[in-house]
Amino acid sequence: MGSPSDHSGANLAGVPETDFESDAYTAAIAAELKAERAATGVQNEVIAQAANMSARQVIRLFNGERAVSLKDAFLISQALNLSMNEFVKRVEARVEKQRQG
């Protein structure tokens, strides 16, 4: 039996199968977080406090220097007054746009 994957490049658990996919999601998450922070004007320190992390950790996430856990994404999106559903839709749209060139 073959690998349990679909044609989207992610396995059945939704985890990207390639470094490109992983990097694309990390970059899209960082870009979306930056865009929402700019739109709301929420400071890194406020986001850090809401997400129970240091301001440096927040900066690293926003710069795409480290992957974002689901928990961190949830807490940060709350601090930015953005639903997880909307956040995920925006990230998916960014990744799809990048795939299409």
PDB file of N, CA and C in Angstrom:
ATOM      1  N   MET A   1       0.840  -1.169   0.000  1.00  0.00           N
ATOM      2  CA  MET A   1       0.000   0.000   0.000  1.00  0.00           C
ATOM      3  C   MET A   1       0.888   1.236   0.000  1.00  0.00           C
ATOM      4  N   GLY A   2       0.486   2.262  -0.718  1.00  0.00           N
ATOM      5  CA  GLY A   2       1.289   3.470  -0.864  1.00  0.00           C
ATOM      6  C   GLY A   2       1.174   4.408   0.309  1.00  0.00           C
ATOM      7  N   SER A   3       1.823   5.523   0.175  1.00  0.00           N
ATOM      8  CA  SER A   3       1.797   6.573   1.197  1.00  0.00           C
ATOM      9  C   SER A   3       0.400   7.152   1.329  1.00  0.00           C
ATOM     10  N   PRO A   4      -0.075   7.373   2.555  1.00  0.00           N
ATOM     11  CA  PRO A   4      -1.425   7.921   2.747  1.00  0.00           C
ATOM     12  C   PRO A   4      -1.451   9.421   2.518  1.00  0.00           C
ATOM     13  N   SER A   5      -1.295   9.818   1.261  1.00  0.00           N
ATOM     14  CA  SER A   5      -1.320  11.246   0.990  1.00  0.00           C
ATOM     15  C   SER A   5      -2.304  11.554  -0.111  1.00  0.00           C
ATOM     16  N   ASP A   6      -2.747  12.791  -0.152  1.00  0.00           N
ATOM     17  CA  ASP A   6      -3.602  13.237  -1.243  1.00  0.00           C
ATOM     18  C   ASP A   6      -2.730  13.990  -2.229  1.00  0.00           C
ATOM     19  N   HIS A   7      -3.317  14.696  -3.151  1.00  0.00           N
ATOM     20  CA  HIS A   7      -2.543  15.395  -4.164  1.00  0.00           C
ATOM     21  C   HIS A   7      -2.181  16.820  -3.771  1.00  0.00           C
ATOM     22  N   SER A   8      -2.431  17.213  -2.544  1.00  0.00           N
ATOM     23  CA  SER A   8      -2.134  18.581  -2.120  1.00  0.00           C
ATOM     24  C   SER A   8      -0.717  18.751  -1.594  1.00  0.00           C
ATOM     25  N   GLY A   9       0.031  17.652  -1.470  1.00  0.00           N
ATOM     26  CA  GLY A   9       1.385  17.754  -0.937  1.00  0.00           C
ATOM     27  C   GLY A   9       1.427  17.593   0.567  1.00  0.00           C
ATOM     28  N   ALA A  10       0.298  17.286   1.187  1.00  0.00           N
ATOM     29  CA  ALA A  10       0.260  17.072   2.628  1.00  0.00           C
ATOM     30  C   ALA A  10      -0.221  15.654   2.890  1.00  0.00           C
ATOM     31  N   ASN A  11       0.277  15.046   3.966  1.00  0.00           N
ATOM     32  CA  ASN A  11      -0.214  13.718   4.286  1.00  0.00           C
ATOM     33  C   ASN A  11      -1.589  13.837   4.923  1.00  0.00           C
ATOM     34  N   LEU A  12      -2.174  12.705   5.271  1.00  0.00           N
ATOM     35  CA  LEU A  12      -3.539  12.731   5.789  1.00  0.00           C
ATOM     36  C   LEU A  12      -3.672  13.502   7.093  1.00  0.00           C
ATOM     37  N   ALA A  13      -2.588  13.668   7.800  1.00  0.00           N
ATOM     38  CA  ALA A  13      -2.631  14.446   9.039  1.00  0.00           C
ATOM     39  C   ALA A  13      -2.561  15.938   8.750  1.00  0.00           C
ATOM     40  N   GLY A  14      -2.400  16.298   7.479  1.00  0.00           N
ATOM     41  CA  GLY A  14      -2.329  17.708   7.115  1.00  0.00           C
ATOM     42  C   GLY A  14      -0.945  18.300   7.244  1.00  0.00           C
ATOM     43  N   VAL A  15       0.050  17.456   7.484  1.00  0.00           N
ATOM     44  CA  VAL A  15       1.412  17.933   7.664  1.00  0.00           C
ATOM     45  C   VAL A  15       2.085  17.997   6.298  1.00  0.00           C
ATOM     46  N   PRO A  16       2.701  19.121   5.943  1.00  0.00           N
ATOM     47  CA  PRO A  16       3.385  19.220   4.663  1.00  0.00           C
ATOM     48  C   PRO A  16       4.444  18.138   4.514  1.00  0.00           C
ATOM     49  N   GLU A  17       4.545  17.565   3.311  1.00  0.00           N
ATOM     50  CA  GLU A  17       5.485  16.479   3.072  1.00  0.00           C
ATOM     51  C   GLU A  17       6.864  16.962   2.660  1.00  0.00           C
ATOM     52  N   THR A  18       6.986  18.181   2.203  1.00  0.00           N
ATOM     53  CA  THR A  18       8.273  18.663   1.718  1.00  0.00           C
ATOM     54  C   THR A  18       8.724  19.878   2.510  1.00  0.00           C
ATOM     55  N   ASP A  19      10.034  20.124   2.454  1.00  0.00           N
ATOM     56  CA  ASP A  19      10.558  21.324   3.099  1.00  0.00           C
ATOM     57  C   ASP A  19       9.970  22.574   2.464  1.00  0.00           C
ATOM     58  N   PHE A  20       9.750  22.534   1.120  1.00  0.00           N
ATOM     59  CA  PHE A  20       9.149  23.680   0.443  1.00  0.00           C
ATOM     60  C   PHE A  20       7.787  23.989   1.038  1.00  0.00           C
ATOM     61  N   GLU A  21       6.962  22.960   1.228  1.00  0.00           N
ATOM     62  CA  GLU A  21       5.630  23.160   1.791  1.00  0.00           C
ATOM     63  C   GLU A  21       5.726  23.715   3.204  1.00  0.00           C
ATOM     64  N   SER A  22       6.595  23.153   4.002  1.00  0.00           N
ATOM     65  CA  SER A  22       6.761  23.617   5.372  1.00  0.00           C
ATOM     66  C   SER A  22       7.233  25.065   5.395  1.00  0.00           C
ATOM     67  N   ASP A  23       8.225  25.373   4.566  1.00  0.00           N
ATOM     68  CA  ASP A  23       8.740  26.740   4.488  1.00  0.00           C
ATOM     69  C   ASP A  23       7.671  27.702   3.977  1.00  0.00           C
ATOM     70  N   ALA A  24       6.874  27.247   3.021  1.00  0.00           N
ATOM     71  CA  ALA A  24       5.810  28.092   2.466  1.00  0.00           C
ATOM     72  C   ALA A  24       4.796  28.433   3.542  1.00  0.00           C
ATOM     73  N   TYR A  25       4.429  27.468   4.363  1.00  0.00           N
ATOM     74  CA  TYR A  25       3.471  27.732   5.436  1.00  0.00           C
ATOM     75  C   TYR A  25       4.070  28.628   6.507  1.00  0.00           C
ATOM     76  N   THR A  26       5.322  28.383   6.876  1.00  0.00           N
ATOM     77  CA  THR A  26       5.974  29.233   7.875  1.00  0.00           C
ATOM     78  C   THR A  26       6.028  30.675   7.390  1.00  0.00           C
ATOM     79  N   ALA A  27       6.386  30.866   6.120  1.00  0.00           N
ATOM     80  CA  ALA A  27       6.460  32.217   5.554  1.00  0.00           C
ATOM     81  C   ALA A  27       5.080  32.860   5.473  1.00  0.00           C
ATOM     82  N   ALA A  28       4.077  32.079   5.083  1.00  0.00           N
ATOM     83  CA  ALA A  28       2.714  32.615   4.970  1.00  0.00           C
ATOM     84  C   ALA A  28       2.157  32.988   6.338  1.00  0.00           C
ATOM     85  N   ILE A  29       2.421  32.182   7.329  1.00  0.00           N
ATOM     86  CA  ILE A  29       1.966  32.486   8.689  1.00  0.00           C
ATOM     87  C   ILE A  29       2.629  33.770   9.172  1.00  0.00           C
ATOM     88  N   ALA A  30       3.942  33.872   8.976  1.00  0.00           N
ATOM     89  CA  ALA A  30       4.663  35.076   9.402  1.00  0.00           C
ATOM     90  C   ALA A  30       4.130  36.309   8.689  1.00  0.00           C
ATOM     91  N   ALA A  31       3.916  36.209   7.390  1.00  0.00           N
ATOM     92  CA  ALA A  31       3.415  37.354   6.619  1.00  0.00           C
ATOM     93  C   ALA A  31       2.023  37.763   7.082  1.00  0.00           C
ATOM     94  N   GLU A  32       1.181  36.795   7.363  1.00  0.00           N
ATOM     95  CA  GLU A  32      -0.176  37.110   7.806  1.00  0.00           C
ATOM     96  C   GLU A  32      -0.166  37.727   9.200  1.00  0.00           C
ATOM     97  N   LEU A  33       0.674  37.211  10.074  1.00  0.00           N
ATOM     98  CA  LEU A  33       0.783  37.799  11.411  1.00  0.00           C
ATOM     99  C   LEU A  33       1.274  39.244  11.323  1.00  0.00           C
ATOM    100  N   LYS A  34       2.279  39.486  10.506  1.00  0.00           N
ATOM    101  CA  LYS A  34       2.794  40.852  10.334  1.00  0.00           C
ATOM    102  C   LYS A  34       1.722  41.784   9.787  1.00  0.00           C
ATOM    103  N   ALA A  35       0.996  41.312   8.783  1.00  0.00           N
ATOM    104  CA  ALA A  35      -0.044  42.141   8.168  1.00  0.00           C
ATOM    105  C   ALA A  35      -1.129  42.489   9.177  1.00  0.00           C
ATOM    106  N   GLU A  36      -1.533  41.522   9.961  1.00  0.00           N
ATOM    107  CA  GLU A  36      -2.590  41.777  10.945  1.00  0.00           C
ATOM    108  C   GLU A  36      -2.091  42.671  12.070  1.00  0.00           C
ATOM    109  N   ARG A  37      -0.840  42.478  12.480  1.00  0.00           N
ATOM    110  CA  ARG A  37      -0.266  43.358  13.509  1.00  0.00           C
ATOM    111  C   ARG A  37      -0.222  44.799  12.999  1.00  0.00           C
ATOM    112  N   ALA A  38       0.178  44.985  11.756  1.00  0.00           N
ATOM    113  CA  ALA A  38       0.228  46.327  11.167  1.00  0.00           C
ATOM    114  C   ALA A  38      -1.170  46.931  11.084  1.00  0.00           C
ATOM    115  N   ALA A  39      -2.145  46.118  10.723  1.00  0.00           N
ATOM    116  CA  ALA A  39      -3.525  46.609  10.578  1.00  0.00           C
ATOM    117  C   ALA A  39      -4.141  46.988  11.919  1.00  0.00           C
ATOM    118  N   THR A  40      -3.789  46.253  12.969  1.00  0.00           N
ATOM    119  CA  THR A  40      -4.393  46.498  14.280  1.00  0.00           C
ATOM    120  C   THR A  40      -3.573  47.447  15.141  1.00  0.00           C
ATOM    121  N   GLY A  41      -2.269  47.527  14.873  1.00  0.00           N
ATOM    122  CA  GLY A  41      -1.405  48.376  15.688  1.00  0.00           C
ATOM    123  C   GLY A  41      -1.054  47.775  17.035  1.00  0.00           C
ATOM    124  N   VAL A  42      -1.338  46.493  17.239  1.00  0.00           N
ATOM    125  CA  VAL A  42      -1.016  45.836  18.501  1.00  0.00           C
ATOM    126  C   VAL A  42       0.501  45.664  18.592  1.00  0.00           C
ATOM    127  N   GLN A  43       1.080  46.036  19.724  1.00  0.00           N
ATOM    128  CA  GLN A  43       2.523  45.973  19.932  1.00  0.00           C
ATOM    129  C   GLN A  43       2.988  44.549  20.242  1.00  0.00           C
ATOM    130  N   ASN A  44       4.239  44.259  19.894  1.00  0.00           N
ATOM    131  CA  ASN A  44       4.809  42.935  20.157  1.00  0.00           C
ATOM    132  C   ASN A  44       4.699  42.533  21.623  1.00  0.00           C
ATOM    133  N   GLU A  45       4.899  43.489  22.522  1.00  0.00           N
ATOM    134  CA  GLU A  45       4.853  43.185  23.951  1.00  0.00           C
ATOM    135  C   GLU A  45       3.460  42.718  24.383  1.00  0.00           C
ATOM    136  N   VAL A  46       2.432  43.310  23.807  1.00  0.00           N
ATOM    137  CA  VAL A  46       1.052  42.916  24.124  1.00  0.00           C
ATOM    138  C   VAL A  46       0.793  41.513  23.595  1.00  0.00           C
ATOM    139  N   ILE A  47       1.248  41.256  22.375  1.00  0.00           N
ATOM    140  CA  ILE A  47       1.086  39.921  21.786  1.00  0.00           C
ATOM    141  C   ILE A  47       1.846  38.893  22.609  1.00  0.00           C
ATOM    142  N   ALA A  48       3.069  39.222  22.998  1.00  0.00           N
ATOM    143  CA  ALA A  48       3.889  38.309  23.794  1.00  0.00           C
ATOM    144  C   ALA A  48       3.204  37.963  25.113  1.00  0.00           C
ATOM    145  N   GLN A  49       2.675  38.963  25.765  1.00  0.00           N
ATOM    146  CA  GLN A  49       1.999  38.719  27.045  1.00  0.00           C
ATOM    147  C   GLN A  49       0.776  37.821  26.848  1.00  0.00           C
ATOM    148  N   ALA A  50      -0.015  38.094  25.815  1.00  0.00           N
ATOM    149  CA  ALA A  50      -1.216  37.293  25.553  1.00  0.00           C
ATOM    150  C   ALA A  50      -0.865  35.852  25.207  1.00  0.00           C
ATOM    151  N   ALA A  51       0.265  35.655  24.536  1.00  0.00           N
ATOM    152  CA  ALA A  51       0.682  34.320  24.108  1.00  0.00           C
ATOM    153  C   ALA A  51       1.617  33.644  25.110  1.00  0.00           C
ATOM    154  N   ASN A  52       1.882  34.323  26.226  1.00  0.00           N
ATOM    155  CA  ASN A  52       2.755  33.790  27.271  1.00  0.00           C
ATOM    156  C   ASN A  52       4.140  33.425  26.717  1.00  0.00           C
ATOM    157  N   MET A  53       4.720  34.362  25.983  1.00  0.00           N
ATOM    158  CA  MET A  53       6.060  34.182  25.444  1.00  0.00           C
ATOM    159  C   MET A  53       6.800  35.507  25.496  1.00  0.00           C
ATOM    160  N   SER A  54       8.080  35.465  25.217  1.00  0.00           N
ATOM    161  CA  SER A  54       8.869  36.700  25.237  1.00  0.00           C
ATOM    162  C   SER A  54       8.637  37.493  23.953  1.00  0.00           C
ATOM    163  N   ALA A  55       8.932  38.777  24.025  1.00  0.00           N
ATOM    164  CA  ALA A  55       8.825  39.620  22.830  1.00  0.00           C
ATOM    165  C   ALA A  55       9.770  39.107  21.752  1.00  0.00           C
ATOM    166  N   ARG A  56      10.937  38.608  22.134  1.00  0.00           N
ATOM    167  CA  ARG A  56      11.897  38.055  21.166  1.00  0.00           C
ATOM    168  C   ARG A  56      11.303  36.851  20.443  1.00  0.00           C
ATOM    169  N   GLN A  57      10.601  35.985  21.178  1.00  0.00           N
ATOM    170  CA  GLN A  57       9.959  34.830  20.544  1.00  0.00           C
ATOM    171  C   GLN A  57       8.911  35.281  19.534  1.00  0.00           C
ATOM    172  N   VAL A  58       8.162  36.298  19.885  1.00  0.00           N
ATOM    173  CA  VAL A  58       7.146  36.835  18.971  1.00  0.00           C
ATOM    174  C   VAL A  58       7.817  37.369  17.712  1.00  0.00           C
ATOM    175  N   ILE A  59       8.888  38.112  17.885  1.00  0.00           N
ATOM    176  CA  ILE A  59       9.607  38.663  16.737  1.00  0.00           C
ATOM    177  C   ILE A  59      10.105  37.538  15.833  1.00  0.00           C
ATOM    178  N   ARG A  60      10.639  36.467  16.424  1.00  0.00           N
ATOM    179  CA  ARG A  60      11.124  35.333  15.627  1.00  0.00           C
ATOM    180  C   ARG A  60       9.985  34.690  14.844  1.00  0.00           C
ATOM    181  N   LEU A  61       8.809  34.578  15.445  1.00  0.00           N
ATOM    182  CA  LEU A  61       7.645  34.034  14.733  1.00  0.00           C
ATOM    183  C   LEU A  61       7.244  34.941  13.580  1.00  0.00           C
ATOM    184  N   PHE A  62       7.200  36.224  13.845  1.00  0.00           N
ATOM    185  CA  PHE A  62       6.776  37.192  12.842  1.00  0.00           C
ATOM    186  C   PHE A  62       7.797  37.320  11.712  1.00  0.00           C
ATOM    187  N   ASN A  63       9.041  36.968  11.976  1.00  0.00           N
ATOM    188  CA  ASN A  63      10.077  36.987  10.943  1.00  0.00           C
ATOM    189  C   ASN A  63      10.205  35.649  10.225  1.00  0.00           C
ATOM    190  N   GLY A  64       9.405  34.668  10.625  1.00  0.00           N
ATOM    191  CA  GLY A  64       9.457  33.352   9.995  1.00  0.00           C
ATOM    192  C   GLY A  64      10.690  32.553  10.373  1.00  0.00           C
ATOM    193  N   GLU A  65      11.311  32.909  11.495  1.00  0.00           N
ATOM    194  CA  GLU A  65      12.529  32.232  11.937  1.00  0.00           C
ATOM    195  C   GLU A  65      12.232  30.938  12.680  1.00  0.00           C
ATOM    196  N   ARG A  66      10.998  30.751  13.083  1.00  0.00           N
ATOM    197  CA  ARG A  66      10.615  29.489  13.715  1.00  0.00           C
ATOM    198  C   ARG A  66       9.165  29.196  13.371  1.00  0.00           C
ATOM    199  N   ALA A  67       8.859  27.921  13.338  1.00  0.00           N
ATOM    200  CA  ALA A  67       7.502  27.496  13.029  1.00  0.00           C
ATOM    201  C   ALA A  67       6.571  27.874  14.174  1.00  0.00           C
ATOM    202  N   VAL A  68       5.326  28.102  13.849  1.00  0.00           N
ATOM    203  CA  VAL A  68       4.324  28.497  14.836  1.00  0.00           C
ATOM    204  C   VAL A  68       3.506  27.277  15.232  1.00  0.00           C
ATOM    205  N   SER A  69       3.432  27.017  16.530  1.00  0.00           N
ATOM    206  CA  SER A  69       2.586  25.924  16.994  1.00  0.00           C
ATOM    207  C   SER A  69       1.122  26.345  16.896  1.00  0.00           C
ATOM    208  N   LEU A  70       0.243  25.380  16.908  1.00  0.00           N
ATOM    209  CA  LEU A  70      -1.181  25.670  16.864  1.00  0.00           C
ATOM    210  C   LEU A  70      -1.588  26.507  18.072  1.00  0.00           C
ATOM    211  N   LYS A  71      -1.056  26.171  19.219  1.00  0.00           N
ATOM    212  CA  LYS A  71      -1.359  26.925  20.441  1.00  0.00           C
ATOM    213  C   LYS A  71      -0.914  28.382  20.300  1.00  0.00           C
ATOM    214  N   ASP A  72       0.320  28.587  19.819  1.00  0.00           N
ATOM    215  CA  ASP A  72       0.824  29.950  19.642  1.00  0.00           C
ATOM    216  C   ASP A  72      -0.010  30.717  18.625  1.00  0.00           C
ATOM    217  N   ALA A  73      -0.357  30.057  17.523  1.00  0.00           N
ATOM    218  CA  ALA A  73      -1.178  30.708  16.499  1.00  0.00           C
ATOM    219  C   ALA A  73      -2.527  31.126  17.080  1.00  0.00           C
ATOM    220  N   PHE A  74      -3.113  30.275  17.885  1.00  0.00           N
ATOM    221  CA  PHE A  74      -4.398  30.585  18.504  1.00  0.00           C
ATOM    222  C   PHE A  74      -4.274  31.783  19.443  1.00  0.00           C
ATOM    223  N   LEU A  75      -3.286  31.763  20.312  1.00  0.00           N
ATOM    224  CA  LEU A  75      -3.117  32.850  21.282  1.00  0.00           C
ATOM    225  C   LEU A  75      -2.773  34.170  20.604  1.00  0.00           C
ATOM    226  N   ILE A  76      -1.909  34.101  19.590  1.00  0.00           N
ATOM    227  CA  ILE A  76      -1.537  35.324  18.874  1.00  0.00           C
ATOM    228  C   ILE A  76      -2.720  35.865  18.084  1.00  0.00           C
ATOM    229  N   SER A  77      -3.461  34.986  17.427  1.00  0.00           N
ATOM    230  CA  SER A  77      -4.625  35.460  16.668  1.00  0.00           C
ATOM    231  C   SER A  77      -5.653  36.093  17.602  1.00  0.00           C
ATOM    232  N   GLN A  78      -5.811  35.549  18.793  1.00  0.00           N
ATOM    233  CA  GLN A  78      -6.715  36.166  19.777  1.00  0.00           C
ATOM    234  C   GLN A  78      -6.225  37.556  20.156  1.00  0.00           C
ATOM    235  N   ALA A  79      -4.916  37.687  20.384  1.00  0.00           N
ATOM    236  CA  ALA A  79      -4.354  38.989  20.752  1.00  0.00           C
ATOM    237  C   ALA A  79      -4.562  40.012  19.636  1.00  0.00           C
ATOM    238  N   LEU A  80      -4.625  39.515  18.391  1.00  0.00           N
ATOM    239  CA  LEU A  80      -4.837  40.385  17.240  1.00  0.00           C
ATOM    240  C   LEU A  80      -6.317  40.522  16.884  1.00  0.00           C
ATOM    241  N   ASN A  81      -7.172  39.951  17.735  1.00  0.00           N
ATOM    242  CA  ASN A  81      -8.619  40.005  17.528  1.00  0.00           C
ATOM    243  C   ASN A  81      -9.024  39.395  16.178  1.00  0.00           C
ATOM    244  N   LEU A  82      -8.414  38.251  15.872  1.00  0.00           N
ATOM    245  CA  LEU A  82      -8.641  37.548  14.617  1.00  0.00           C
ATOM    246  C   LEU A  82      -9.021  36.111  14.940  1.00  0.00           C
ATOM    247  N   SER A  83     -10.109  35.631  14.363  1.00  0.00           N
ATOM    248  CA  SER A  83     -10.510  34.242  14.630  1.00  0.00           C
ATOM    249  C   SER A  83      -9.519  33.285  13.977  1.00  0.00           C
ATOM    250  N   MET A  84      -9.344  32.114  14.571  1.00  0.00           N
ATOM    251  CA  MET A  84      -8.468  31.102  13.990  1.00  0.00           C
ATOM    252  C   MET A  84      -8.967  30.707  12.608  1.00  0.00           C
ATOM    253  N   ASN A  85     -10.266  30.614  12.437  1.00  0.00           N
ATOM    254  CA  ASN A  85     -10.839  30.250  11.149  1.00  0.00           C
ATOM    255  C   ASN A  85     -10.398  31.242  10.069  1.00  0.00           C
ATOM    256  N   GLU A  86     -10.518  32.518  10.351  1.00  0.00           N
ATOM    257  CA  GLU A  86     -10.120  33.542   9.390  1.00  0.00           C
ATOM    258  C   GLU A  86      -8.611  33.525   9.165  1.00  0.00           C
ATOM    259  N   PHE A  87      -7.855  33.340  10.231  1.00  0.00           N
ATOM    260  CA  PHE A  87      -6.403  33.292  10.138  1.00  0.00           C
ATOM    261  C   PHE A  87      -5.959  32.157   9.216  1.00  0.00           C
ATOM    262  N   VAL A  88      -6.526  30.970   9.418  1.00  0.00           N
ATOM    263  CA  VAL A  88      -6.163  29.809   8.600  1.00  0.00           C
ATOM    264  C   VAL A  88      -6.551  30.040   7.140  1.00  0.00           C
ATOM    265  N   LYS A  89      -7.721  30.612   6.901  1.00  0.00           N
ATOM    266  CA  LYS A  89      -8.136  30.917   5.523  1.00  0.00           C
ATOM    267  C   LYS A  89      -7.137  31.840   4.846  1.00  0.00           C
ATOM    268  N   ARG A  90      -6.698  32.861   5.552  1.00  0.00           N
ATOM    269  CA  ARG A  90      -5.748  33.823   4.983  1.00  0.00           C
ATOM    270  C   ARG A  90      -4.398  33.172   4.697  1.00  0.00           C
ATOM    271  N   VAL A  91      -3.941  32.324   5.606  1.00  0.00           N
ATOM    272  CA  VAL A  91      -2.672  31.628   5.403  1.00  0.00           C
ATOM    273  C   VAL A  91      -2.782  30.709   4.189  1.00  0.00           C
ATOM    274  N   GLU A  92      -3.857  29.946   4.104  1.00  0.00           N
ATOM    275  CA  GLU A  92      -4.065  29.050   2.961  1.00  0.00           C
ATOM    276  C   GLU A  92      -4.087  29.833   1.652  1.00  0.00           C
ATOM    277  N   ALA A  93      -4.727  30.981   1.641  1.00  0.00           N
ATOM    278  CA  ALA A  93      -4.784  31.806   0.435  1.00  0.00           C
ATOM    279  C   ALA A  93      -3.383  32.277   0.035  1.00  0.00           C
ATOM    280  N   ARG A  94      -2.568  32.650   1.015  1.00  0.00           N
ATOM    281  CA  ARG A  94      -1.194  33.076   0.714  1.00  0.00           C
ATOM    282  C   ARG A  94      -0.380  31.925   0.129  1.00  0.00           C
ATOM    283  N   VAL A  95      -0.512  30.742   0.718  1.00  0.00           N
ATOM    284  CA  VAL A  95       0.240  29.582   0.224  1.00  0.00           C
ATOM    285  C   VAL A  95      -0.213  29.233  -1.191  1.00  0.00           C
ATOM    286  N   GLU A  96      -1.499  29.241  -1.435  1.00  0.00           N
ATOM    287  CA  GLU A  96      -2.031  28.930  -2.767  1.00  0.00           C
ATOM    288  C   GLU A  96      -1.541  29.938  -3.797  1.00  0.00           C
ATOM    289  N   LYS A  97      -1.530  31.188  -3.422  1.00  0.00           N
ATOM    290  CA  LYS A  97      -1.053  32.239  -4.331  1.00  0.00           C
ATOM    291  C   LYS A  97       0.423  32.016  -4.666  1.00  0.00           C
ATOM    292  N   GLN A  98       1.202  31.631  -3.664  1.00  0.00           N
ATOM    293  CA  GLN A  98       2.622  31.361  -3.886  1.00  0.00           C
ATOM    294  C   GLN A  98       2.810  30.143  -4.793  1.00  0.00           C
ATOM    295  N   ARG A  99       2.014  29.111  -4.605  1.00  0.00           N
ATOM    296  CA  ARG A  99       2.091  27.918  -5.464  1.00  0.00           C
ATOM    297  C   ARG A  99       1.827  28.255  -6.922  1.00  0.00           C
ATOM    298  N   GLN A 100       0.897  29.169  -7.148  1.00  0.00           N
ATOM    299  CA  GLN A 100       0.510  29.521  -8.510  1.00  0.00           C
ATOM    300  C   GLN A 100       1.482  30.497  -9.157  1.00  0.00           C
ATOM    301  N   GLY A 101       2.410  30.960  -8.383  1.00  0.00           N
ATOM    302  CA  GLY A 101       3.449  31.823  -8.952  1.00  0.00           C
ATOM    303  C   GLY A 101       3.185  33.230  -8.758  1.00  0.00           C
TER     304      GLY A 101
END
